[in-house]
Amino acid sequence: MKRFGLLGVALLAMGLMVAGGCAKKVSSTPAGASATASTGGAGAQGGLSEAERQKMMAIEKIQANRIYFAFDSSELTQESRQILTEKAGLLKANPSIKLVVEGHCDERGTNEYNMALGERRARAAKDFLVLSGVDAGRIQTISYGEERPVCTESNEACWSKNRRDEFRAQ
């Protein structure tokens, strides 16, 4: 019983140390006043202009949400269209950002079929963005087929996570 109690106290202490490490850091400014800077995120942004910070935030938002597809389909869902509409707005507001749309598939089907399906999925997202006013020259597509799964189990719950488009903004 005492061992369990000591173990529990040790785990609690470790948890408090880890939680303490996530707090905001305070540093002194040259004038001696203190300033608060949050940790994590896109890295050190202290020397960036406001426009650069806005661009980095837009890139993070563009990359944040994947879109998903039904089995053997490249048709956009209503949810996918909403996500792509948000991405289009960010891209139009930030004309220097370029985008790569990556099409992915689950493991079912031949490699050749899945590469073609991944390309159709990526193309569907690109076409939607272009119709929403984003310059087609800023968007590239690539298919990874079944080569880059996010889940490797052989069941529908896993397969549905692999039928997706991902977005890399630069």
N, C-alpha and C. Protein backbone atom coordinates (compact mmCIF):
# COMPACT_ATOMS: atom_id res chain seq x y z
N MET A 1 0.83 -1.20 0.00
CA MET A 1 0.00 0.00 0.00
C MET A 1 0.87 1.25 0.00
N LYS A 2 1.97 1.26 0.82
CA LYS A 2 2.84 2.42 0.86
C LYS A 2 3.52 2.63 -0.49
N ARG A 3 3.91 1.50 -1.15
CA ARG A 3 4.57 1.64 -2.46
C ARG A 3 3.64 2.31 -3.46
N PHE A 4 2.38 1.90 -3.45
CA PHE A 4 1.42 2.51 -4.37
C PHE A 4 1.24 3.99 -4.05
N GLY A 5 1.22 4.32 -2.78
CA GLY A 5 1.08 5.72 -2.38
C GLY A 5 2.27 6.55 -2.82
N LEU A 6 3.49 6.02 -2.67
CA LEU A 6 4.68 6.74 -3.10
C LEU A 6 4.72 6.86 -4.61
N LEU A 7 4.31 5.80 -5.30
CA LEU A 7 4.26 5.83 -6.76
C LEU A 7 3.28 6.89 -7.24
N GLY A 8 2.14 6.95 -6.60
CA GLY A 8 1.13 7.94 -6.96
C GLY A 8 1.65 9.36 -6.75
N VAL A 9 2.35 9.59 -5.62
CA VAL A 9 2.91 10.92 -5.35
C VAL A 9 3.97 11.25 -6.40
N ALA A 10 4.80 10.26 -6.77
CA ALA A 10 5.83 10.50 -7.77
C ALA A 10 5.21 10.84 -9.12
N LEU A 11 4.16 10.10 -9.50
CA LEU A 11 3.50 10.38 -10.78
C LEU A 11 2.85 11.76 -10.76
N LEU A 12 2.24 12.13 -9.64
CA LEU A 12 1.63 13.44 -9.51
C LEU A 12 2.68 14.54 -9.65
N ALA A 13 3.83 14.36 -9.01
CA ALA A 13 4.90 15.35 -9.09
C ALA A 13 5.41 15.49 -10.51
N MET A 14 5.54 14.34 -11.22
CA MET A 14 6.00 14.39 -12.60
C MET A 14 4.97 15.12 -13.47
N GLY A 15 3.71 14.86 -13.23
CA GLY A 15 2.65 15.53 -13.99
C GLY A 15 2.67 17.03 -13.78
N LEU A 16 2.93 17.47 -12.54
CA LEU A 16 3.00 18.90 -12.26
C LEU A 16 4.21 19.54 -12.94
N MET A 17 5.33 18.79 -12.99
CA MET A 17 6.52 19.32 -13.66
C MET A 17 6.25 19.48 -15.15
N VAL A 18 5.60 18.48 -15.76
CA VAL A 18 5.30 18.55 -17.19
C VAL A 18 4.33 19.69 -17.46
N ALA A 19 3.29 19.82 -16.67
CA ALA A 19 2.32 20.88 -16.86
C ALA A 19 2.97 22.25 -16.68
N GLY A 20 3.90 22.35 -15.76
CA GLY A 20 4.62 23.60 -15.55
C GLY A 20 5.46 23.98 -16.75
N GLY A 21 5.94 23.01 -17.50
CA GLY A 21 6.77 23.26 -18.66
C GLY A 21 5.98 23.85 -19.82
N CYS A 22 4.66 23.82 -19.77
CA CYS A 22 3.84 24.34 -20.86
C CYS A 22 3.43 25.78 -20.63
N ALA A 23 3.84 26.36 -19.51
CA ALA A 23 3.43 27.72 -19.19
C ALA A 23 4.15 28.70 -20.10
N LYS A 24 3.68 29.94 -20.08
CA LYS A 24 4.31 30.97 -20.89
C LYS A 24 5.64 31.37 -20.27
N LYS A 25 6.61 31.66 -21.14
CA LYS A 25 7.92 32.10 -20.68
C LYS A 25 7.90 33.60 -20.55
N VAL A 26 8.60 34.11 -19.54
CA VAL A 26 8.69 35.54 -19.34
C VAL A 26 10.14 35.93 -19.52
N SER A 27 10.40 36.92 -20.34
CA SER A 27 11.76 37.40 -20.55
C SER A 27 11.80 38.88 -20.32
N SER A 28 12.96 39.40 -19.98
CA SER A 28 13.11 40.82 -19.74
C SER A 28 13.40 41.54 -21.04
N THR A 29 12.84 42.71 -21.16
CA THR A 29 13.16 43.55 -22.31
C THR A 29 14.37 44.37 -21.95
N PRO A 30 15.05 45.01 -22.90
CA PRO A 30 16.22 45.81 -22.59
C PRO A 30 15.96 46.90 -21.56
N ALA A 31 14.76 47.43 -21.51
CA ALA A 31 14.43 48.49 -20.56
C ALA A 31 14.20 47.95 -19.16
N GLY A 32 14.23 46.62 -18.98
CA GLY A 32 14.04 46.02 -17.68
C GLY A 32 12.63 45.57 -17.42
N ALA A 33 11.68 45.95 -18.27
CA ALA A 33 10.31 45.49 -18.10
C ALA A 33 10.23 44.05 -18.57
N SER A 34 9.20 43.33 -18.16
CA SER A 34 9.07 41.94 -18.60
C SER A 34 8.01 41.85 -19.68
N ALA A 35 8.22 40.91 -20.59
CA ALA A 35 7.27 40.66 -21.68
C ALA A 35 6.94 39.19 -21.68
N THR A 36 5.74 38.81 -22.12
CA THR A 36 5.32 37.42 -22.14
C THR A 36 5.32 36.94 -23.58
N ALA A 37 5.91 35.75 -23.79
CA ALA A 37 5.91 35.14 -25.13
C ALA A 37 5.47 33.71 -24.98
N SER A 38 4.54 33.28 -25.79
CA SER A 38 4.10 31.89 -25.70
C SER A 38 5.08 30.99 -26.42
N THR A 39 5.14 29.73 -25.98
CA THR A 39 6.05 28.77 -26.57
C THR A 39 5.30 27.93 -27.58
N GLY A 40 6.04 27.23 -28.43
CA GLY A 40 5.42 26.29 -29.38
C GLY A 40 4.96 27.01 -30.62
N GLY A 41 4.06 26.35 -31.39
CA GLY A 41 3.52 26.92 -32.60
C GLY A 41 4.51 26.86 -33.74
N ALA A 42 4.60 27.90 -34.52
CA ALA A 42 5.41 27.91 -35.73
C ALA A 42 6.84 28.31 -35.47
N GLY A 43 7.27 28.40 -34.22
CA GLY A 43 8.66 28.74 -33.95
C GLY A 43 8.75 30.18 -33.51
N ALA A 44 9.98 30.68 -33.45
CA ALA A 44 10.22 32.04 -33.00
C ALA A 44 9.67 33.02 -34.03
N GLN A 45 8.73 33.85 -33.62
CA GLN A 45 8.13 34.82 -34.52
C GLN A 45 8.47 36.24 -34.10
N GLY A 46 9.37 36.41 -33.14
CA GLY A 46 9.68 37.72 -32.62
C GLY A 46 10.17 38.69 -33.65
N GLY A 47 11.01 38.28 -34.62
CA GLY A 47 11.58 39.18 -35.59
C GLY A 47 10.76 39.31 -36.85
N LEU A 48 9.58 38.77 -36.90
CA LEU A 48 8.77 38.80 -38.11
C LEU A 48 7.88 40.04 -38.16
N SER A 49 7.66 40.51 -39.38
CA SER A 49 6.73 41.63 -39.55
C SER A 49 5.30 41.12 -39.35
N GLU A 50 4.39 42.04 -39.24
CA GLU A 50 2.98 41.67 -39.09
C GLU A 50 2.49 40.89 -40.32
N ALA A 51 2.92 41.31 -41.51
CA ALA A 51 2.53 40.61 -42.74
C ALA A 51 3.07 39.18 -42.75
N GLU A 52 4.30 39.00 -42.30
CA GLU A 52 4.89 37.66 -42.25
C GLU A 52 4.16 36.78 -41.23
N ARG A 53 3.81 37.37 -40.09
CA ARG A 53 3.05 36.62 -39.07
C ARG A 53 1.69 36.20 -39.61
N GLN A 54 1.03 37.12 -40.32
CA GLN A 54 -0.28 36.82 -40.90
C GLN A 54 -0.16 35.69 -41.93
N LYS A 55 0.89 35.73 -42.74
CA LYS A 55 1.10 34.69 -43.74
C LYS A 55 1.34 33.34 -43.06
N MET A 56 2.15 33.32 -42.00
CA MET A 56 2.41 32.06 -41.29
C MET A 56 1.13 31.51 -40.67
N MET A 57 0.30 32.38 -40.13
CA MET A 57 -0.97 31.94 -39.56
C MET A 57 -1.88 31.38 -40.64
N ALA A 58 -1.91 32.03 -41.81
CA ALA A 58 -2.73 31.55 -42.92
C ALA A 58 -2.24 30.18 -43.38
N ILE A 59 -0.93 30.00 -43.47
CA ILE A 59 -0.37 28.71 -43.88
C ILE A 59 -0.78 27.62 -42.90
N GLU A 60 -0.69 27.91 -41.61
CA GLU A 60 -1.09 26.92 -40.60
C GLU A 60 -2.56 26.55 -40.74
N LYS A 61 -3.42 27.54 -40.98
CA LYS A 61 -4.86 27.27 -41.13
C LYS A 61 -5.15 26.48 -42.40
N ILE A 62 -4.45 26.81 -43.48
CA ILE A 62 -4.66 26.10 -44.75
C ILE A 62 -4.28 24.64 -44.59
N GLN A 63 -3.21 24.37 -43.88
CA GLN A 63 -2.72 23.00 -43.72
C GLN A 63 -3.48 22.21 -42.66
N ALA A 64 -4.26 22.88 -41.84
CA ALA A 64 -4.85 22.26 -40.66
C ALA A 64 -5.87 21.16 -40.96
N ASN A 65 -6.78 21.39 -41.87
CA ASN A 65 -7.88 20.45 -42.08
C ASN A 65 -7.71 19.62 -43.34
N ARG A 66 -7.81 18.33 -43.18
CA ARG A 66 -7.84 17.42 -44.33
C ARG A 66 -9.29 17.32 -44.79
N ILE A 67 -9.46 16.84 -46.01
CA ILE A 67 -10.81 16.49 -46.45
C ILE A 67 -10.83 15.00 -46.73
N TYR A 68 -12.01 14.39 -46.58
CA TYR A 68 -12.14 12.95 -46.68
C TYR A 68 -13.15 12.58 -47.77
N PHE A 69 -13.01 11.34 -48.27
CA PHE A 69 -13.82 10.86 -49.38
C PHE A 69 -14.47 9.53 -49.04
N ALA A 70 -15.57 9.25 -49.72
CA ALA A 70 -16.23 7.95 -49.62
C ALA A 70 -15.38 6.92 -50.37
N PHE A 71 -15.66 5.66 -50.13
CA PHE A 71 -14.96 4.57 -50.81
C PHE A 71 -15.08 4.71 -52.32
N ASP A 72 -13.96 4.58 -53.01
CA ASP A 72 -13.91 4.58 -54.48
C ASP A 72 -14.54 5.84 -55.08
N SER A 73 -14.36 6.99 -54.41
CA SER A 73 -14.99 8.22 -54.86
C SER A 73 -14.00 9.38 -54.79
N SER A 74 -14.18 10.31 -55.71
CA SER A 74 -13.44 11.58 -55.65
C SER A 74 -14.41 12.74 -55.55
N GLU A 75 -15.67 12.45 -55.21
CA GLU A 75 -16.69 13.48 -55.08
C GLU A 75 -16.55 14.19 -53.74
N LEU A 76 -16.59 15.51 -53.78
CA LEU A 76 -16.47 16.30 -52.56
C LEU A 76 -17.76 16.25 -51.75
N THR A 77 -17.63 16.09 -50.44
CA THR A 77 -18.79 16.12 -49.55
C THR A 77 -19.12 17.57 -49.22
N GLN A 78 -20.25 17.80 -48.62
CA GLN A 78 -20.62 19.15 -48.18
C GLN A 78 -19.59 19.68 -47.18
N GLU A 79 -19.15 18.83 -46.26
CA GLU A 79 -18.14 19.25 -45.29
C GLU A 79 -16.83 19.62 -45.98
N SER A 80 -16.43 18.83 -46.99
CA SER A 80 -15.21 19.14 -47.74
C SER A 80 -15.34 20.49 -48.43
N ARG A 81 -16.49 20.76 -48.99
CA ARG A 81 -16.70 22.04 -49.68
C ARG A 81 -16.58 23.22 -48.70
N GLN A 82 -17.08 23.05 -47.49
CA GLN A 82 -16.96 24.11 -46.49
C GLN A 82 -15.50 24.35 -46.12
N ILE A 83 -14.76 23.27 -45.92
CA ILE A 83 -13.34 23.37 -45.60
C ILE A 83 -12.58 24.04 -46.74
N LEU A 84 -12.88 23.63 -47.98
CA LEU A 84 -12.20 24.21 -49.14
C LEU A 84 -12.57 25.68 -49.34
N THR A 85 -13.79 26.05 -49.01
CA THR A 85 -14.20 27.45 -49.10
C THR A 85 -13.37 28.30 -48.15
N GLU A 86 -13.12 27.81 -46.94
CA GLU A 86 -12.27 28.52 -45.98
C GLU A 86 -10.85 28.64 -46.51
N LYS A 87 -10.33 27.55 -47.07
CA LYS A 87 -8.98 27.56 -47.63
C LYS A 87 -8.89 28.54 -48.80
N ALA A 88 -9.92 28.59 -49.64
CA ALA A 88 -9.93 29.52 -50.77
C ALA A 88 -9.87 30.97 -50.29
N GLY A 89 -10.61 31.28 -49.26
CA GLY A 89 -10.58 32.64 -48.70
C GLY A 89 -9.19 33.01 -48.21
N LEU A 90 -8.54 32.09 -47.52
CA LEU A 90 -7.18 32.35 -47.03
C LEU A 90 -6.19 32.49 -48.18
N LEU A 91 -6.34 31.67 -49.20
CA LEU A 91 -5.44 31.75 -50.35
C LEU A 91 -5.65 33.06 -51.11
N LYS A 92 -6.89 33.48 -51.28
CA LYS A 92 -7.15 34.74 -51.99
C LYS A 92 -6.63 35.94 -51.20
N ALA A 93 -6.70 35.87 -49.88
CA ALA A 93 -6.20 36.95 -49.04
C ALA A 93 -4.68 36.97 -48.95
N ASN A 94 -4.04 35.88 -49.35
CA ASN A 94 -2.58 35.74 -49.27
C ASN A 94 -2.06 35.25 -50.62
N PRO A 95 -1.98 36.13 -51.61
CA PRO A 95 -1.65 35.70 -52.97
C PRO A 95 -0.24 35.15 -53.15
N SER A 96 0.64 35.31 -52.18
CA SER A 96 2.01 34.77 -52.32
C SER A 96 2.09 33.30 -51.89
N ILE A 97 1.03 32.77 -51.28
CA ILE A 97 1.06 31.38 -50.82
C ILE A 97 0.74 30.45 -51.98
N LYS A 98 1.58 29.44 -52.13
CA LYS A 98 1.35 28.37 -53.12
C LYS A 98 0.88 27.14 -52.36
N LEU A 99 0.18 26.25 -53.05
CA LEU A 99 -0.43 25.10 -52.40
C LEU A 99 -0.15 23.82 -53.17
N VAL A 100 0.12 22.75 -52.42
CA VAL A 100 0.21 21.41 -52.99
C VAL A 100 -0.92 20.60 -52.36
N VAL A 101 -1.77 20.03 -53.21
CA VAL A 101 -2.86 19.17 -52.75
C VAL A 101 -2.42 17.73 -52.95
N GLU A 102 -2.39 16.96 -51.87
CA GLU A 102 -1.96 15.56 -51.90
C GLU A 102 -3.17 14.63 -51.81
N GLY A 103 -3.35 13.78 -52.82
CA GLY A 103 -4.44 12.82 -52.82
C GLY A 103 -3.98 11.47 -52.27
N HIS A 104 -4.79 10.87 -51.39
CA HIS A 104 -4.46 9.61 -50.74
C HIS A 104 -5.63 8.63 -50.83
N CYS A 105 -5.31 7.34 -50.73
CA CYS A 105 -6.32 6.28 -50.81
C CYS A 105 -6.09 5.25 -49.71
N ASP A 106 -7.07 4.38 -49.51
CA ASP A 106 -6.86 3.26 -48.61
C ASP A 106 -6.15 2.14 -49.37
N GLU A 107 -5.88 1.05 -48.71
CA GLU A 107 -5.07 -0.03 -49.28
C GLU A 107 -5.78 -0.89 -50.31
N ARG A 108 -7.10 -0.75 -50.41
CA ARG A 108 -7.85 -1.61 -51.33
C ARG A 108 -7.67 -1.11 -52.77
N GLY A 109 -7.61 -2.02 -53.71
CA GLY A 109 -7.40 -1.68 -55.11
C GLY A 109 -5.93 -1.84 -55.49
N THR A 110 -5.67 -1.85 -56.77
CA THR A 110 -4.28 -2.00 -57.24
C THR A 110 -3.54 -0.68 -57.04
N ASN A 111 -2.23 -0.75 -57.05
CA ASN A 111 -1.42 0.46 -56.91
C ASN A 111 -1.75 1.46 -58.01
N GLU A 112 -1.87 0.97 -59.23
CA GLU A 112 -2.16 1.86 -60.36
C GLU A 112 -3.52 2.54 -60.20
N TYR A 113 -4.53 1.77 -59.80
CA TYR A 113 -5.86 2.34 -59.61
C TYR A 113 -5.83 3.39 -58.50
N ASN A 114 -5.17 3.07 -57.41
CA ASN A 114 -5.13 4.01 -56.28
C ASN A 114 -4.35 5.28 -56.61
N MET A 115 -3.30 5.18 -57.42
CA MET A 115 -2.58 6.39 -57.84
C MET A 115 -3.50 7.29 -58.67
N ALA A 116 -4.27 6.68 -59.57
CA ALA A 116 -5.21 7.46 -60.39
C ALA A 116 -6.33 8.05 -59.53
N LEU A 117 -6.85 7.29 -58.58
CA LEU A 117 -7.91 7.78 -57.70
C LEU A 117 -7.38 8.92 -56.82
N GLY A 118 -6.18 8.78 -56.29
CA GLY A 118 -5.57 9.85 -55.50
C GLY A 118 -5.43 11.13 -56.32
N GLU A 119 -5.06 10.98 -57.59
CA GLU A 119 -4.95 12.15 -58.47
C GLU A 119 -6.32 12.79 -58.70
N ARG A 120 -7.36 11.98 -58.90
CA ARG A 120 -8.71 12.54 -59.08
C ARG A 120 -9.16 13.27 -57.82
N ARG A 121 -8.83 12.74 -56.67
CA ARG A 121 -9.20 13.40 -55.41
C ARG A 121 -8.48 14.74 -55.26
N ALA A 122 -7.20 14.76 -55.54
CA ALA A 122 -6.45 16.02 -55.46
C ALA A 122 -6.97 17.02 -56.49
N ARG A 123 -7.27 16.55 -57.68
CA ARG A 123 -7.78 17.40 -58.76
C ARG A 123 -9.16 17.97 -58.38
N ALA A 124 -9.99 17.19 -57.70
CA ALA A 124 -11.31 17.69 -57.29
C ALA A 124 -11.15 18.88 -56.35
N ALA A 125 -10.22 18.80 -55.41
CA ALA A 125 -9.99 19.91 -54.49
C ALA A 125 -9.43 21.11 -55.25
N LYS A 126 -8.47 20.88 -56.14
CA LYS A 126 -7.90 21.99 -56.92
C LYS A 126 -8.98 22.67 -57.75
N ASP A 127 -9.79 21.87 -58.44
CA ASP A 127 -10.85 22.45 -59.28
C ASP A 127 -11.81 23.31 -58.45
N PHE A 128 -12.16 22.86 -57.27
CA PHE A 128 -13.04 23.63 -56.40
C PHE A 128 -12.38 24.95 -56.02
N LEU A 129 -11.11 24.91 -55.65
CA LEU A 129 -10.40 26.13 -55.26
C LEU A 129 -10.30 27.10 -56.43
N VAL A 130 -10.03 26.59 -57.63
CA VAL A 130 -9.95 27.44 -58.81
C VAL A 130 -11.31 28.08 -59.11
N LEU A 131 -12.37 27.29 -59.02
CA LEU A 131 -13.72 27.84 -59.23
C LEU A 131 -14.08 28.87 -58.16
N SER A 132 -13.41 28.79 -57.01
CA SER A 132 -13.65 29.74 -55.93
C SER A 132 -12.80 31.00 -56.07
N GLY A 133 -11.99 31.07 -57.14
CA GLY A 133 -11.23 32.29 -57.40
C GLY A 133 -9.75 32.23 -57.15
N VAL A 134 -9.21 31.06 -56.81
CA VAL A 134 -7.77 30.94 -56.59
C VAL A 134 -7.10 30.64 -57.94
N ASP A 135 -6.01 31.33 -58.23
CA ASP A 135 -5.28 31.14 -59.48
C ASP A 135 -4.75 29.71 -59.58
N ALA A 136 -5.09 29.02 -60.66
CA ALA A 136 -4.68 27.62 -60.86
C ALA A 136 -3.18 27.45 -60.86
N GLY A 137 -2.44 28.47 -61.26
CA GLY A 137 -0.98 28.39 -61.29
C GLY A 137 -0.34 28.30 -59.91
N ARG A 138 -1.10 28.60 -58.88
CA ARG A 138 -0.58 28.53 -57.51
C ARG A 138 -0.81 27.17 -56.86
N ILE A 139 -1.51 26.27 -57.56
CA ILE A 139 -1.89 24.99 -56.95
C ILE A 139 -1.32 23.83 -57.77
N GLN A 140 -0.60 22.95 -57.10
CA GLN A 140 -0.11 21.72 -57.71
C GLN A 140 -0.85 20.55 -57.07
N THR A 141 -0.95 19.45 -57.80
CA THR A 141 -1.53 18.24 -57.23
C THR A 141 -0.53 17.11 -57.32
N ILE A 142 -0.64 16.19 -56.38
CA ILE A 142 0.19 14.99 -56.38
C ILE A 142 -0.63 13.85 -55.77
N SER A 143 -0.43 12.66 -56.29
CA SER A 143 -1.10 11.49 -55.73
C SER A 143 -0.08 10.59 -55.06
N TYR A 144 -0.40 10.17 -53.86
CA TYR A 144 0.41 9.17 -53.17
C TYR A 144 -0.30 7.82 -53.15
N GLY A 145 -1.49 7.75 -53.73
CA GLY A 145 -2.22 6.49 -53.74
C GLY A 145 -2.35 5.95 -52.33
N GLU A 146 -1.94 4.70 -52.16
CA GLU A 146 -2.01 4.07 -50.84
C GLU A 146 -0.67 4.10 -50.10
N GLU A 147 0.32 4.82 -50.64
CA GLU A 147 1.69 4.78 -50.13
C GLU A 147 1.90 5.43 -48.78
N ARG A 148 1.07 6.35 -48.37
CA ARG A 148 1.27 7.08 -47.11
C ARG A 148 0.02 7.01 -46.22
N PRO A 149 -0.28 5.84 -45.70
CA PRO A 149 -1.46 5.74 -44.83
C PRO A 149 -1.24 6.42 -43.49
N VAL A 150 -2.30 6.97 -42.92
CA VAL A 150 -2.23 7.49 -41.56
C VAL A 150 -2.63 6.41 -40.57
N CYS A 151 -3.25 5.34 -41.07
CA CYS A 151 -3.70 4.23 -40.24
C CYS A 151 -3.42 2.95 -41.03
N THR A 152 -2.92 1.92 -40.35
CA THR A 152 -2.52 0.70 -41.07
C THR A 152 -3.36 -0.53 -40.76
N GLU A 153 -4.41 -0.37 -39.99
CA GLU A 153 -5.29 -1.52 -39.72
C GLU A 153 -6.18 -1.77 -40.94
N SER A 154 -6.62 -2.99 -41.09
CA SER A 154 -7.49 -3.34 -42.23
C SER A 154 -8.94 -3.42 -41.79
N ASN A 155 -9.53 -2.23 -41.59
CA ASN A 155 -10.95 -2.14 -41.24
C ASN A 155 -11.49 -0.79 -41.72
N GLU A 156 -12.80 -0.65 -41.78
CA GLU A 156 -13.41 0.55 -42.34
C GLU A 156 -13.03 1.82 -41.58
N ALA A 157 -12.96 1.73 -40.26
CA ALA A 157 -12.61 2.92 -39.48
C ALA A 157 -11.24 3.45 -39.90
N CYS A 158 -10.32 2.55 -40.13
CA CYS A 158 -8.98 2.94 -40.56
C CYS A 158 -8.98 3.39 -42.02
N TRP A 159 -9.61 2.62 -42.89
CA TRP A 159 -9.63 2.96 -44.31
C TRP A 159 -10.21 4.36 -44.54
N SER A 160 -11.23 4.71 -43.77
CA SER A 160 -11.87 6.03 -43.97
C SER A 160 -10.91 7.18 -43.65
N LYS A 161 -9.95 6.96 -42.76
CA LYS A 161 -8.96 7.98 -42.45
C LYS A 161 -7.93 8.13 -43.57
N ASN A 162 -7.74 7.08 -44.34
CA ASN A 162 -6.74 7.10 -45.41
C ASN A 162 -7.28 7.67 -46.72
N ARG A 163 -8.59 7.75 -46.87
CA ARG A 163 -9.21 8.30 -48.09
C ARG A 163 -9.33 9.81 -47.91
N ARG A 164 -8.27 10.53 -48.28
CA ARG A 164 -8.20 11.93 -47.90
C ARG A 164 -7.38 12.75 -48.89
N ASP A 165 -7.51 14.08 -48.75
CA ASP A 165 -6.59 15.04 -49.35
C ASP A 165 -5.93 15.78 -48.20
N GLU A 166 -4.64 15.99 -48.33
CA GLU A 166 -3.90 16.83 -47.39
C GLU A 166 -3.37 18.04 -48.15
N PHE A 167 -3.05 19.09 -47.41
CA PHE A 167 -2.68 20.36 -48.03
C PHE A 167 -1.36 20.87 -47.45
N ARG A 168 -0.41 21.16 -48.34
CA ARG A 168 0.87 21.75 -47.95
C ARG A 168 0.95 23.14 -48.57
N ALA A 169 1.05 24.13 -47.74
CA ALA A 169 1.13 25.52 -48.22
C ALA A 169 2.56 26.03 -48.03
N GLN A 170 2.97 26.88 -48.95
CA GLN A 170 4.34 27.44 -48.91
C GLN A 170 4.29 28.92 -49.14
